[in-house]
Amino acid sequence: MKKFPINTLKRLAKELKVRRLSKDAIEELQFFIEEYSRNILEMAKEIMINSKRKTLKKEDIRIVIK
């Protein structure tokens, strides 16, 4: 499975004035982002199914995040 891009994490860290990220920190962030995304998608999928749709919409994700 492809992980969240390292360059994106480094860019975000740089924007927040974090000079360096350890390999462990990057791996932990990648794991957390994937798990968080998976949980959101699972809940959004339930909304989609309950709405009798086959397409997951932005609104489904927004409902879950709120």
N, C-alpha and C. Protein backbone atom coordinates (compact mmCIF):
# COMPACT_ATOMS: atom_id res chain seq x y z
N MET A 1 0.84 -1.18 0.00
CA MET A 1 0.00 0.00 0.00
C MET A 1 0.89 1.25 0.00
N LYS A 2 0.54 2.19 -0.83
CA LYS A 2 1.30 3.42 -0.92
C LYS A 2 1.05 4.30 0.30
N LYS A 3 2.10 4.87 0.82
CA LYS A 3 1.99 5.71 2.01
C LYS A 3 1.83 7.18 1.62
N PHE A 4 1.38 7.97 2.59
CA PHE A 4 1.26 9.41 2.40
C PHE A 4 2.64 9.95 2.03
N PRO A 5 2.72 10.78 1.00
CA PRO A 5 4.03 11.23 0.48
C PRO A 5 4.91 11.93 1.52
N ILE A 6 6.14 11.49 1.60
CA ILE A 6 7.11 12.08 2.52
C ILE A 6 7.34 13.55 2.20
N ASN A 7 7.42 13.88 0.92
CA ASN A 7 7.67 15.27 0.54
C ASN A 7 6.56 16.20 1.02
N THR A 8 5.34 15.71 1.04
CA THR A 8 4.23 16.52 1.55
C THR A 8 4.40 16.77 3.03
N LEU A 9 4.80 15.73 3.78
CA LEU A 9 5.04 15.91 5.21
C LEU A 9 6.18 16.89 5.46
N LYS A 10 7.24 16.78 4.68
CA LYS A 10 8.38 17.69 4.84
C LYS A 10 7.99 19.12 4.52
N ARG A 11 7.15 19.29 3.49
CA ARG A 11 6.70 20.64 3.12
C ARG A 11 5.86 21.23 4.25
N LEU A 12 4.95 20.44 4.79
CA LEU A 12 4.12 20.92 5.90
C LEU A 12 4.98 21.28 7.11
N ALA A 13 5.95 20.44 7.41
CA ALA A 13 6.84 20.71 8.54
C ALA A 13 7.60 22.01 8.31
N LYS A 14 8.09 22.19 7.09
CA LYS A 14 8.83 23.42 6.77
C LYS A 14 7.95 24.65 6.94
N GLU A 15 6.69 24.56 6.49
CA GLU A 15 5.76 25.68 6.64
C GLU A 15 5.53 26.02 8.10
N LEU A 16 5.65 25.02 8.97
CA LEU A 16 5.46 25.22 10.41
C LEU A 16 6.77 25.47 11.15
N LYS A 17 7.83 25.69 10.37
CA LYS A 17 9.16 26.02 10.91
C LYS A 17 9.79 24.85 11.68
N VAL A 18 9.44 23.62 11.30
CA VAL A 18 10.10 22.43 11.84
C VAL A 18 11.26 22.12 10.90
N ARG A 19 12.47 22.17 11.41
CA ARG A 19 13.65 22.04 10.54
C ARG A 19 13.89 20.62 10.06
N ARG A 20 13.69 19.65 10.96
CA ARG A 20 13.99 18.26 10.59
C ARG A 20 12.94 17.33 11.17
N LEU A 21 12.69 16.23 10.45
CA LEU A 21 11.79 15.18 10.93
C LEU A 21 12.58 13.87 10.97
N SER A 22 12.48 13.16 12.06
CA SER A 22 13.14 11.86 12.12
C SER A 22 12.36 10.86 11.27
N LYS A 23 13.03 9.78 10.90
CA LYS A 23 12.38 8.72 10.13
C LYS A 23 11.19 8.17 10.91
N ASP A 24 11.37 7.99 12.22
CA ASP A 24 10.28 7.49 13.06
C ASP A 24 9.08 8.45 13.07
N ALA A 25 9.37 9.74 13.11
CA ALA A 25 8.29 10.74 13.11
C ALA A 25 7.51 10.68 11.80
N ILE A 26 8.23 10.55 10.69
CA ILE A 26 7.58 10.46 9.38
C ILE A 26 6.71 9.21 9.31
N GLU A 27 7.24 8.09 9.75
CA GLU A 27 6.48 6.84 9.72
C GLU A 27 5.23 6.93 10.60
N GLU A 28 5.37 7.56 11.76
CA GLU A 28 4.23 7.71 12.67
C GLU A 28 3.16 8.60 12.05
N LEU A 29 3.58 9.70 11.43
CA LEU A 29 2.63 10.58 10.75
C LEU A 29 1.92 9.86 9.61
N GLN A 30 2.67 9.10 8.82
CA GLN A 30 2.08 8.36 7.72
C GLN A 30 1.04 7.37 8.23
N PHE A 31 1.37 6.65 9.30
CA PHE A 31 0.44 5.69 9.88
C PHE A 31 -0.81 6.39 10.39
N PHE A 32 -0.64 7.49 11.13
CA PHE A 32 -1.77 8.21 11.70
C PHE A 32 -2.67 8.77 10.61
N ILE A 33 -2.08 9.36 9.58
CA ILE A 33 -2.87 9.93 8.49
C ILE A 33 -3.68 8.84 7.78
N GLU A 34 -3.06 7.69 7.56
CA GLU A 34 -3.77 6.59 6.91
C GLU A 34 -4.93 6.08 7.79
N GLU A 35 -4.68 5.89 9.07
CA GLU A 35 -5.73 5.40 9.97
C GLU A 35 -6.87 6.41 10.08
N TYR A 36 -6.53 7.68 10.23
CA TYR A 36 -7.53 8.74 10.33
C TYR A 36 -8.38 8.78 9.06
N SER A 37 -7.73 8.70 7.91
CA SER A 37 -8.44 8.71 6.63
C SER A 37 -9.34 7.49 6.49
N ARG A 38 -8.84 6.33 6.90
CA ARG A 38 -9.63 5.11 6.82
C ARG A 38 -10.89 5.22 7.69
N ASN A 39 -10.75 5.75 8.89
CA ASN A 39 -11.91 5.92 9.78
C ASN A 39 -12.93 6.88 9.18
N ILE A 40 -12.47 7.97 8.63
CA ILE A 40 -13.37 8.94 8.00
C ILE A 40 -14.12 8.28 6.84
N LEU A 41 -13.37 7.57 6.00
CA LEU A 41 -14.00 6.91 4.85
C LEU A 41 -15.00 5.85 5.25
N GLU A 42 -14.71 5.09 6.30
CA GLU A 42 -15.65 4.08 6.76
C GLU A 42 -16.96 4.72 7.22
N MET A 43 -16.86 5.80 7.97
CA MET A 43 -18.07 6.47 8.45
C MET A 43 -18.82 7.16 7.30
N ALA A 44 -18.07 7.77 6.39
CA ALA A 44 -18.68 8.43 5.24
C ALA A 44 -19.38 7.40 4.34
N LYS A 45 -18.80 6.22 4.24
CA LYS A 45 -19.41 5.14 3.46
C LYS A 45 -20.78 4.76 4.03
N GLU A 46 -20.87 4.72 5.35
CA GLU A 46 -22.16 4.41 5.98
C GLU A 46 -23.21 5.46 5.64
N ILE A 47 -22.81 6.71 5.62
CA ILE A 47 -23.74 7.79 5.24
C ILE A 47 -24.18 7.59 3.80
N MET A 48 -23.24 7.28 2.92
CA MET A 48 -23.53 7.04 1.52
C MET A 48 -24.53 5.89 1.37
N ILE A 49 -24.28 4.79 2.05
CA ILE A 49 -25.16 3.62 1.97
C ILE A 49 -26.55 3.95 2.51
N ASN A 50 -26.61 4.64 3.63
CA ASN A 50 -27.90 5.02 4.21
C ASN A 50 -28.67 5.98 3.31
N SER A 51 -27.95 6.72 2.49
CA SER A 51 -28.58 7.64 1.54
C SER A 51 -28.92 6.94 0.22
N LYS A 52 -28.66 5.64 0.17
CA LYS A 52 -28.93 4.82 -1.01
C LYS A 52 -28.23 5.33 -2.27
N ARG A 53 -26.96 5.69 -2.07
CA ARG A 53 -26.13 6.14 -3.18
C ARG A 53 -24.96 5.20 -3.37
N LYS A 54 -24.37 5.25 -4.56
CA LYS A 54 -23.17 4.47 -4.85
C LYS A 54 -21.92 5.34 -4.88
N THR A 55 -22.11 6.64 -4.82
CA THR A 55 -21.00 7.59 -4.89
C THR A 55 -20.82 8.30 -3.56
N LEU A 56 -19.61 8.25 -3.05
CA LEU A 56 -19.28 8.98 -1.83
C LEU A 56 -19.08 10.45 -2.21
N LYS A 57 -19.73 11.33 -1.49
CA LYS A 57 -19.66 12.76 -1.82
C LYS A 57 -18.90 13.54 -0.74
N LYS A 58 -18.48 14.71 -1.15
CA LYS A 58 -17.77 15.61 -0.24
C LYS A 58 -18.62 15.88 1.01
N GLU A 59 -19.91 16.01 0.83
CA GLU A 59 -20.80 16.28 1.95
C GLU A 59 -20.77 15.15 2.99
N ASP A 60 -20.62 13.90 2.52
CA ASP A 60 -20.54 12.76 3.44
C ASP A 60 -19.32 12.91 4.35
N ILE A 61 -18.21 13.28 3.75
CA ILE A 61 -16.97 13.46 4.51
C ILE A 61 -17.10 14.63 5.47
N ARG A 62 -17.70 15.71 5.01
CA ARG A 62 -17.87 16.88 5.89
C ARG A 62 -18.75 16.58 7.09
N ILE A 63 -19.80 15.77 6.87
CA ILE A 63 -20.67 15.39 7.99
C ILE A 63 -19.87 14.61 9.04
N VAL A 64 -19.03 13.70 8.58
CA VAL A 64 -18.21 12.88 9.49
C VAL A 64 -17.23 13.75 10.27
N ILE A 65 -16.62 14.69 9.60
CA ILE A 65 -15.59 15.51 10.24
C ILE A 65 -16.17 16.46 11.27
N LYS A 66 -17.40 16.89 11.07
CA LYS A 66 -18.02 17.83 12.03
C LYS A 66 -18.35 17.19 13.30
